[in-house]
PDB file of N, CA and C in Angstrom:
ATOM      1  N   MET A   1       0.787  -1.510  -0.053  1.00  0.00           N
ATOM      2  CA  MET A   1       0.008  -0.136   0.123  1.00  0.00           C
ATOM      3  C   MET A   1       0.769   1.489  -0.160  1.00  0.00           C
ATOM      4  N   ILE A   2       0.608   1.854  -0.919  1.00  0.00           N
ATOM      5  CA  ILE A   2       1.474   3.781  -1.294  1.00  0.00           C
ATOM      6  C   ILE A   2       0.482   4.559  -0.232  1.00  0.00           C
ATOM      7  N   ILE A   3       1.254   5.262   0.438  1.00  0.00           N
ATOM      8  CA  ILE A   3       0.728   6.515   1.462  1.00  0.00           C
ATOM      9  C   ILE A   3       1.500   7.646   0.828  1.00  0.00           C
ATOM     10  N   GLY A   4       0.227   8.216   0.084  1.00  0.00           N
ATOM     11  CA  GLY A   4       0.236   9.845  -0.419  1.00  0.00           C
ATOM     12  C   GLY A   4       1.230  10.847   0.810  1.00  0.00           C
ATOM     13  N   PHE A   5       1.770  11.528   0.616  1.00  0.00           N
ATOM     14  CA  PHE A   5       2.354  12.768   1.676  1.00  0.00           C
ATOM     15  C   PHE A   5       2.299  14.086   0.577  1.00  0.00           C
ATOM     16  N   SER A   6       2.518  14.910   1.375  1.00  0.00           N
ATOM     17  CA  SER A   6       2.609  16.133   0.805  1.00  0.00           C
ATOM     18  C   SER A   6       3.755  17.223   1.480  1.00  0.00           C
ATOM     19  N   ILE A   7       4.292  18.379   1.079  1.00  0.00           N
ATOM     20  CA  ILE A   7       4.754  19.281   1.611  1.00  0.00           C
ATOM     21  C   ILE A   7       4.092  19.975   2.330  1.00  0.00           C
ATOM     22  N   THR A   8       4.066  20.604   3.477  1.00  0.00           N
ATOM     23  CA  THR A   8       2.641  21.446   4.441  1.00  0.00           C
ATOM     24  C   THR A   8       3.955  22.755   4.870  1.00  0.00           C
ATOM     25  N   ARG A   9       3.132  23.360   5.046  1.00  0.00           N
ATOM     26  CA  ARG A   9       3.879  24.521   5.869  1.00  0.00           C
ATOM     27  C   ARG A   9       3.841  24.346   7.654  1.00  0.00           C
ATOM     28  N   GLN A  10       3.358  23.076   8.289  1.00  0.00           N
ATOM     29  CA  GLN A  10       3.308  22.823   9.165  1.00  0.00           C
ATOM     30  C   GLN A  10       4.510  21.971   9.460  1.00  0.00           C
ATOM     31  N   GLY A  11       5.699  21.565   8.779  1.00  0.00           N
ATOM     32  CA  GLY A  11       6.965  21.440   9.084  1.00  0.00           C
ATOM     33  C   GLY A  11       7.885  22.161   9.325  1.00  0.00           C
ATOM     34  N   ASN A  12       8.853  21.941   9.509  1.00  0.00           N
ATOM     35  CA  ASN A  12      10.449  22.902  10.003  1.00  0.00           C
ATOM     36  C   ASN A  12      10.324  23.503   8.663  1.00  0.00           C
ATOM     37  N   THR A  13      10.649  25.060   8.719  1.00  0.00           N
ATOM     38  CA  THR A  13      10.868  25.888   7.836  1.00  0.00           C
ATOM     39  C   THR A  13      12.613  25.365   7.346  1.00  0.00           C
ATOM     40  N   ARG A  14      13.620  25.047   8.009  1.00  0.00           N
ATOM     41  CA  ARG A  14      14.646  24.958   7.686  1.00  0.00           C
ATOM     42  C   ARG A  14      14.670  23.590   6.808  1.00  0.00           C
ATOM     43  N   VAL A  15      14.077  22.746   7.327  1.00  0.00           N
ATOM     44  CA  VAL A  15      14.308  21.560   6.143  1.00  0.00           C
ATOM     45  C   VAL A  15      13.496  21.616   5.094  1.00  0.00           C
ATOM     46  N   ARG A  16      12.272  22.462   5.089  1.00  0.00           N
ATOM     47  CA  ARG A  16      11.359  22.620   3.688  1.00  0.00           C
ATOM     48  C   ARG A  16      12.593  23.663   2.504  1.00  0.00           C
ATOM     49  N   HIS A  17      13.190  24.319   3.204  1.00  0.00           N
ATOM     50  CA  HIS A  17      14.232  25.109   2.518  1.00  0.00           C
ATOM     51  C   HIS A  17      15.036  24.338   2.264  1.00  0.00           C
ATOM     52  N   VAL A  18      15.803  23.480   2.700  1.00  0.00           N
ATOM     53  CA  VAL A  18      16.797  22.571   2.306  1.00  0.00           C
ATOM     54  C   VAL A  18      16.787  21.712   0.994  1.00  0.00           C
ATOM     55  N   LEU A  19      15.229  21.433   1.318  1.00  0.00           N
ATOM     56  CA  LEU A  19      14.648  20.894   0.663  1.00  0.00           C
ATOM     57  C   LEU A  19      14.328  20.930  -1.011  1.00  0.00           C
ATOM     58  N   ASN A  20      13.893  22.092  -0.811  1.00  0.00           N
ATOM     59  CA  ASN A  20      13.690  22.942  -1.826  1.00  0.00           C
ATOM     60  C   ASN A  20      15.231  23.237  -2.782  1.00  0.00           C
ATOM     61  N   GLN A  21      15.897  23.759  -1.996  1.00  0.00           N
ATOM     62  CA  GLN A  21      17.376  23.680  -2.805  1.00  0.00           C
ATOM     63  C   GLN A  21      17.783  22.342  -3.003  1.00  0.00           C
ATOM     64  N   ALA A  22      17.762  21.402  -2.605  1.00  0.00           N
ATOM     65  CA  ALA A  22      18.052  20.382  -2.815  1.00  0.00           C
ATOM     66  C   ALA A  22      17.356  19.894  -4.398  1.00  0.00           C
ATOM     67  N   ALA A  23      15.939  20.019  -4.663  1.00  0.00           N
ATOM     68  CA  ALA A  23      15.572  20.042  -5.409  1.00  0.00           C
ATOM     69  C   ALA A  23      15.691  20.818  -7.016  1.00  0.00           C
ATOM     70  N   ILE A  24      16.266  21.792  -6.333  1.00  0.00           N
ATOM     71  CA  ILE A  24      16.767  23.140  -7.478  1.00  0.00           C
ATOM     72  C   ILE A  24      17.902  22.281  -8.048  1.00  0.00           C
ATOM     73  N   ARG A  25      18.906  21.698  -7.159  1.00  0.00           N
ATOM     74  CA  ARG A  25      20.339  21.472  -7.455  1.00  0.00           C
ATOM     75  C   ARG A  25      19.953  20.004  -8.440  1.00  0.00           C
ATOM     76  N   ALA A  26      19.244  19.240  -8.136  1.00  0.00           N
ATOM     77  CA  ALA A  26      18.791  18.030  -8.477  1.00  0.00           C
ATOM     78  C   ALA A  26      18.121  18.342  -9.694  1.00  0.00           C
ATOM     79  N   ILE A  27      17.482  19.328 -10.165  1.00  0.00           N
ATOM     80  CA  ILE A  27      16.999  19.452 -11.409  1.00  0.00           C
ATOM     81  C   ILE A  27      17.541  19.800 -12.242  1.00  0.00           C
ATOM     82  N   LYS A  28      18.996  20.472 -12.141  1.00  0.00           N
ATOM     83  CA  LYS A  28      20.202  20.906 -12.612  1.00  0.00           C
ATOM     84  C   LYS A  28      20.896  19.331 -12.951  1.00  0.00           C
ATOM     85  N   LYS A  29      21.149  18.622 -12.034  1.00  0.00           N
ATOM     86  CA  LYS A  29      21.994  17.188 -12.378  1.00  0.00           C
ATOM     87  C   LYS A  29      21.070  15.822 -12.504  1.00  0.00           C
ATOM     88  N   ASP A  30      19.821  16.006 -12.718  1.00  0.00           N
ATOM     89  CA  ASP A  30      19.185  14.297 -12.830  1.00  0.00           C
ATOM     90  C   ASP A  30      18.330  14.785 -14.081  1.00  0.00           C
ATOM     91  N   GLN A  31      18.562  14.230 -14.936  1.00  0.00           N
ATOM     92  CA  GLN A  31      17.612  14.348 -16.328  1.00  0.00           C
ATOM     93  C   GLN A  31      16.236  13.938 -15.996  1.00  0.00           C
ATOM     94  N   ASP A  32      15.668  12.968 -15.382  1.00  0.00           N
ATOM     95  CA  ASP A  32      14.272  12.721 -15.171  1.00  0.00           C
ATOM     96  C   ASP A  32      13.495  13.522 -14.558  1.00  0.00           C
ATOM     97  N   LEU A  33      14.170  14.301 -13.318  1.00  0.00           N
ATOM     98  CA  LEU A  33      13.479  15.229 -12.633  1.00  0.00           C
ATOM     99  C   LEU A  33      13.407  16.605 -13.167  1.00  0.00           C
ATOM    100  N   LYS A  34      14.425  16.933 -14.609  1.00  0.00           N
ATOM    101  CA  LYS A  34      14.310  18.359 -15.205  1.00  0.00           C
ATOM    102  C   LYS A  34      13.530  17.547 -16.123  1.00  0.00           C
ATOM    103  N   ALA A  35      13.172  17.024 -16.659  1.00  0.00           N
ATOM    104  CA  ALA A  35      12.212  16.729 -17.682  1.00  0.00           C
ATOM    105  C   ALA A  35      10.682  16.841 -16.949  1.00  0.00           C
ATOM    106  N   PHE A  36      10.536  16.345 -15.675  1.00  0.00           N
ATOM    107  CA  PHE A  36       9.201  16.450 -15.208  1.00  0.00           C
ATOM    108  C   PHE A  36       9.145  17.797 -14.648  1.00  0.00           C
ATOM    109  N   PHE A  37      10.352  18.673 -13.978  1.00  0.00           N
ATOM    110  CA  PHE A  37       9.955  19.979 -14.079  1.00  0.00           C
ATOM    111  C   PHE A  37       9.330  20.672 -15.420  1.00  0.00           C
ATOM    112  N   GLU A  38      10.285  20.807 -16.542  1.00  0.00           N
ATOM    113  CA  GLU A  38       9.463  21.608 -17.273  1.00  0.00           C
ATOM    114  C   GLU A  38       8.517  21.232 -17.917  1.00  0.00           C
ATOM    115  N   ARG A  39       7.992  19.517 -17.641  1.00  0.00           N
ATOM    116  CA  ARG A  39       6.746  19.134 -18.116  1.00  0.00           C
ATOM    117  C   ARG A  39       5.100  20.134 -17.091  1.00  0.00           C
ATOM    118  N   ILE A  40       5.742  20.205 -15.929  1.00  0.00           N
ATOM    119  CA  ILE A  40       4.559  20.709 -15.066  1.00  0.00           C
ATOM    120  C   ILE A  40       5.027  22.408 -14.726  1.00  0.00           C
ATOM    121  N   ALA A  41       5.856  22.720 -15.015  1.00  0.00           N
ATOM    122  CA  ALA A  41       6.601  24.266 -14.485  1.00  0.00           C
ATOM    123  C   ALA A  41       5.372  25.246 -15.526  1.00  0.00           C
ATOM    124  N   PRO A  42       5.191  25.120 -16.622  1.00  0.00           N
ATOM    125  CA  PRO A  42       4.279  25.889 -17.772  1.00  0.00           C
ATOM    126  C   PRO A  42       3.111  26.298 -16.981  1.00  0.00           C
ATOM    127  N   ARG A  43       2.264  25.063 -16.494  1.00  0.00           N
ATOM    128  CA  ARG A  43       0.909  25.090 -15.955  1.00  0.00           C
ATOM    129  C   ARG A  43       1.097  25.345 -14.227  1.00  0.00           C
ATOM    130  N   THR A  44       2.034  25.522 -13.865  1.00  0.00           N
ATOM    131  CA  THR A  44       2.126  25.549 -12.207  1.00  0.00           C
ATOM    132  C   THR A  44       2.774  26.553 -11.738  1.00  0.00           C
ATOM    133  N   GLY A  45       3.673  27.104 -12.397  1.00  0.00           N
ATOM    134  CA  GLY A  45       4.818  27.854 -12.316  1.00  0.00           C
ATOM    135  C   GLY A  45       5.734  27.377 -11.612  1.00  0.00           C
ATOM    136  N   LYS A  46       7.213  28.140 -11.606  1.00  0.00           N
ATOM    137  CA  LYS A  46       8.267  27.568 -11.494  1.00  0.00           C
ATOM    138  C   LYS A  46       8.130  27.104  -9.651  1.00  0.00           C
ATOM    139  N   LYS A  47       7.670  28.040  -9.047  1.00  0.00           N
ATOM    140  CA  LYS A  47       8.096  27.685  -7.223  1.00  0.00           C
ATOM    141  C   LYS A  47       7.339  26.432  -7.116  1.00  0.00           C
ATOM    142  N   ARG A  48       5.978  26.172  -7.674  1.00  0.00           N
ATOM    143  CA  ARG A  48       5.062  25.111  -7.272  1.00  0.00           C
ATOM    144  C   ARG A  48       5.699  23.737  -7.845  1.00  0.00           C
ATOM    145  N   ALA A  49       6.309  24.231  -9.259  1.00  0.00           N
ATOM    146  CA  ALA A  49       7.174  22.820 -10.122  1.00  0.00           C
ATOM    147  C   ALA A  49       8.331  22.325  -8.998  1.00  0.00           C
ATOM    148  N   ILE A  50       8.907  23.370  -8.501  1.00  0.00           N
ATOM    149  CA  ILE A  50      10.093  23.135  -7.550  1.00  0.00           C
ATOM    150  C   ILE A  50       9.930  22.340  -6.196  1.00  0.00           C
ATOM    151  N   VAL A  51       8.562  22.454  -5.834  1.00  0.00           N
ATOM    152  CA  VAL A  51       8.035  22.070  -4.541  1.00  0.00           C
ATOM    153  C   VAL A  51       7.634  20.658  -5.132  1.00  0.00           C
ATOM    154  N   ALA A  52       7.196  20.659  -6.061  1.00  0.00           N
ATOM    155  CA  ALA A  52       6.536  19.273  -6.970  1.00  0.00           C
ATOM    156  C   ALA A  52       7.901  18.077  -6.915  1.00  0.00           C
ATOM    157  N   VAL A  53       9.087  18.740  -7.536  1.00  0.00           N
ATOM    158  CA  VAL A  53      10.362  18.346  -7.774  1.00  0.00           C
ATOM    159  C   VAL A  53      10.867  17.805  -6.066  1.00  0.00           C
ATOM    160  N   ALA A  54      10.692  18.530  -5.544  1.00  0.00           N
ATOM    161  CA  ALA A  54      10.804  18.062  -3.831  1.00  0.00           C
ATOM    162  C   ALA A  54      10.726  17.230  -2.899  1.00  0.00           C
ATOM    163  N   ARG A  55       8.931  16.907  -3.819  1.00  0.00           N
ATOM    164  CA  ARG A  55       8.022  15.794  -2.973  1.00  0.00           C
ATOM    165  C   ARG A  55       8.585  14.823  -3.944  1.00  0.00           C
ATOM    166  N   LYS A  56       8.729  15.000  -4.740  1.00  0.00           N
ATOM    167  CA  LYS A  56       9.666  13.496  -5.691  1.00  0.00           C
ATOM    168  C   LYS A  56      10.385  13.138  -5.402  1.00  0.00           C
ATOM    169  N   LEU A  57      11.867  13.908  -5.096  1.00  0.00           N
ATOM    170  CA  LEU A  57      13.039  13.680  -4.760  1.00  0.00           C
ATOM    171  C   LEU A  57      12.519  12.581  -3.186  1.00  0.00           C
ATOM    172  N   ILE A  58      12.263  13.448  -2.197  1.00  0.00           N
ATOM    173  CA  ILE A  58      11.713  13.001  -0.778  1.00  0.00           C
ATOM    174  C   ILE A  58      11.462  11.373  -1.184  1.00  0.00           C
ATOM    175  N   GLY A  59      10.273  11.475  -2.223  1.00  0.00           N
ATOM    176  CA  GLY A  59       9.947   9.870  -2.327  1.00  0.00           C
ATOM    177  C   GLY A  59      10.883   8.936  -2.642  1.00  0.00           C
ATOM    178  N   ARG A  60      12.043   9.656  -3.430  1.00  0.00           N
ATOM    179  CA  ARG A  60      13.084   8.936  -3.930  1.00  0.00           C
ATOM    180  C   ARG A  60      14.345   8.319  -2.900  1.00  0.00           C
ATOM    181  N   ILE A  61      14.585   9.501  -2.078  1.00  0.00           N
ATOM    182  CA  ILE A  61      15.233   9.028  -1.013  1.00  0.00           C
ATOM    183  C   ILE A  61      14.675   8.234   0.100  1.00  0.00           C
ATOM    184  N   ARG A  62      13.270   8.590   0.347  1.00  0.00           N
ATOM    185  CA  ARG A  62      12.412   7.226   1.010  1.00  0.00           C
ATOM    186  C   ARG A  62      12.972   5.862   0.557  1.00  0.00           C
ATOM    187  N   ALA A  63      12.516   5.841  -0.534  1.00  0.00           N
ATOM    188  CA  ALA A  63      12.878   4.487  -1.461  1.00  0.00           C
ATOM    189  C   ALA A  63      14.149   3.926  -1.206  1.00  0.00           C
ATOM    190  N   ALA A  64      15.243   4.753  -1.278  1.00  0.00           N
ATOM    191  CA  ALA A  64      16.467   4.366  -1.309  1.00  0.00           C
ATOM    192  C   ALA A  64      16.909   3.491   0.462  1.00  0.00           C
ATOM    193  N   PHE A  65      16.598   4.460   1.116  1.00  0.00           N
ATOM    194  CA  PHE A  65      16.866   3.953   2.525  1.00  0.00           C
ATOM    195  C   PHE A  65      16.040   2.474   2.676  1.00  0.00           C
ATOM    196  N   LYS A  66      14.450   2.965   2.742  1.00  0.00           N
ATOM    197  CA  LYS A  66      13.895   1.297   2.878  1.00  0.00           C
ATOM    198  C   LYS A  66      14.468   0.084   1.795  1.00  0.00           C
ATOM    199  N   THR A  67      14.886   0.272   0.683  1.00  0.00           N
ATOM    200  CA  THR A  67      15.347  -0.788   0.409  1.00  0.00           C
ATOM    201  C   THR A  67      17.070  -1.288   0.508  1.00  0.00           C
ATOM    202  N   ARG A  68      17.359  -0.099   0.824  1.00  0.00           N
ATOM    203  CA  ARG A  68      19.402  -0.001   1.383  1.00  0.00           C
ATOM    204  C   ARG A  68      19.418   0.171  -0.290  1.00  0.00           C
ATOM    205  N   GLN A  69      19.377   0.690  -0.882  1.00  0.00           N
ATOM    206  CA  GLN A  69      20.207   0.553  -1.847  1.00  0.00           C
ATOM    207  C   GLN A  69      20.554   2.482  -2.007  1.00  0.00           C
ATOM    208  N   PRO A  70      21.766   2.306  -2.976  1.00  0.00           N
ATOM    209  CA  PRO A  70      22.007   3.944  -3.449  1.00  0.00           C
ATOM    210  C   PRO A  70      21.229   4.387  -3.972  1.00  0.00           C
ATOM    211  N   TYR A  71      21.093   5.696  -3.738  1.00  0.00           N
ATOM    212  CA  TYR A  71      20.292   6.562  -4.930  1.00  0.00           C
ATOM    213  C   TYR A  71      21.246   6.579  -5.960  1.00  0.00           C
ATOM    214  N   GLN A  72      20.247   6.109  -7.220  1.00  0.00           N
ATOM    215  CA  GLN A  72      20.580   6.189  -8.764  1.00  0.00           C
ATOM    216  C   GLN A  72      20.006   7.380  -9.369  1.00  0.00           C
ATOM    217  N   MET A  73      20.771   8.440  -9.687  1.00  0.00           N
ATOM    218  CA  MET A  73      20.072   9.205 -10.752  1.00  0.00           C
ATOM    219  C   MET A  73      20.411   9.187 -12.171  1.00  0.00           C
ATOM    220  N   ASN A  74      19.746   9.568 -13.036  1.00  0.00           N
ATOM    221  CA  ASN A  74      19.946   9.510 -14.423  1.00  0.00           C
ATOM    222  C   ASN A  74      20.636  10.993 -14.678  1.00  0.00           C
ATOM    223  N   PRO A  75      22.240  10.953 -14.474  1.00  0.00           N
ATOM    224  CA  PRO A  75      22.696  12.400 -14.784  1.00  0.00           C
ATOM    225  C   PRO A  75      22.163  13.226 -16.182  1.00  0.00           C
ATOM    226  N   ILE A  76      22.591  13.919 -16.541  1.00  0.00           N
ATOM    227  CA  ILE A  76      22.568  14.899 -17.841  1.00  0.00           C
ATOM    228  C   ILE A  76      23.895  14.755 -18.077  1.00  0.00           C
ATOM    229  N   THR A  77      23.928  14.678 -19.014  1.00  0.00           N
ATOM    230  CA  THR A  77      25.697  14.464 -19.840  1.00  0.00           C
ATOM    231  C   THR A  77      25.746  15.902 -20.784  1.00  0.00           C
ATOM    232  N   LEU A  78      26.769  16.417 -20.557  1.00  0.00           N
ATOM    233  CA  LEU A  78      27.004  17.565 -21.443  1.00  0.00           C
ATOM    234  C   LEU A  78      27.744  17.244 -22.642  1.00  0.00           C
ATOM    235  N   SER A  79      27.378  17.844 -23.551  1.00  0.00           N
ATOM    236  CA  SER A  79      27.837  17.098 -25.095  1.00  0.00           C
ATOM    237  C   SER A  79      28.552  18.060 -25.702  1.00  0.00           C
ATOM    238  N   ALA A  80      29.663  17.955 -26.000  1.00  0.00           N
ATOM    239  CA  ALA A  80      30.610  19.293 -27.027  1.00  0.00           C
ATOM    240  C   ALA A  80      29.791  19.366 -28.108  1.00  0.00           C
ATOM    241  N   ALA A  81      28.706  19.568 -28.482  1.00  0.00           N
ATOM    242  CA  ALA A  81      27.752  20.022 -29.626  1.00  0.00           C
ATOM    243  C   ALA A  81      27.824  21.355 -29.227  1.00  0.00           C
TER     244      ALA A  81
END
């Protein structure tokens, strides 16, 4: 059973801030998260899209802890073109 969760303003402000900063960095480094961000940002706005990426990122971190496997991201490769 999958239990959904969301990021609310009831939590610790510092933790939310760090999570949002991690989401911004993840958008720049992870191809899948960048594609997700670019898909939802036009209709929700950039700030809400970053929060959505943060929520997705925390789900991935939780899954990595639960399965005891290292987090594997799909890195963006820079081409010389």
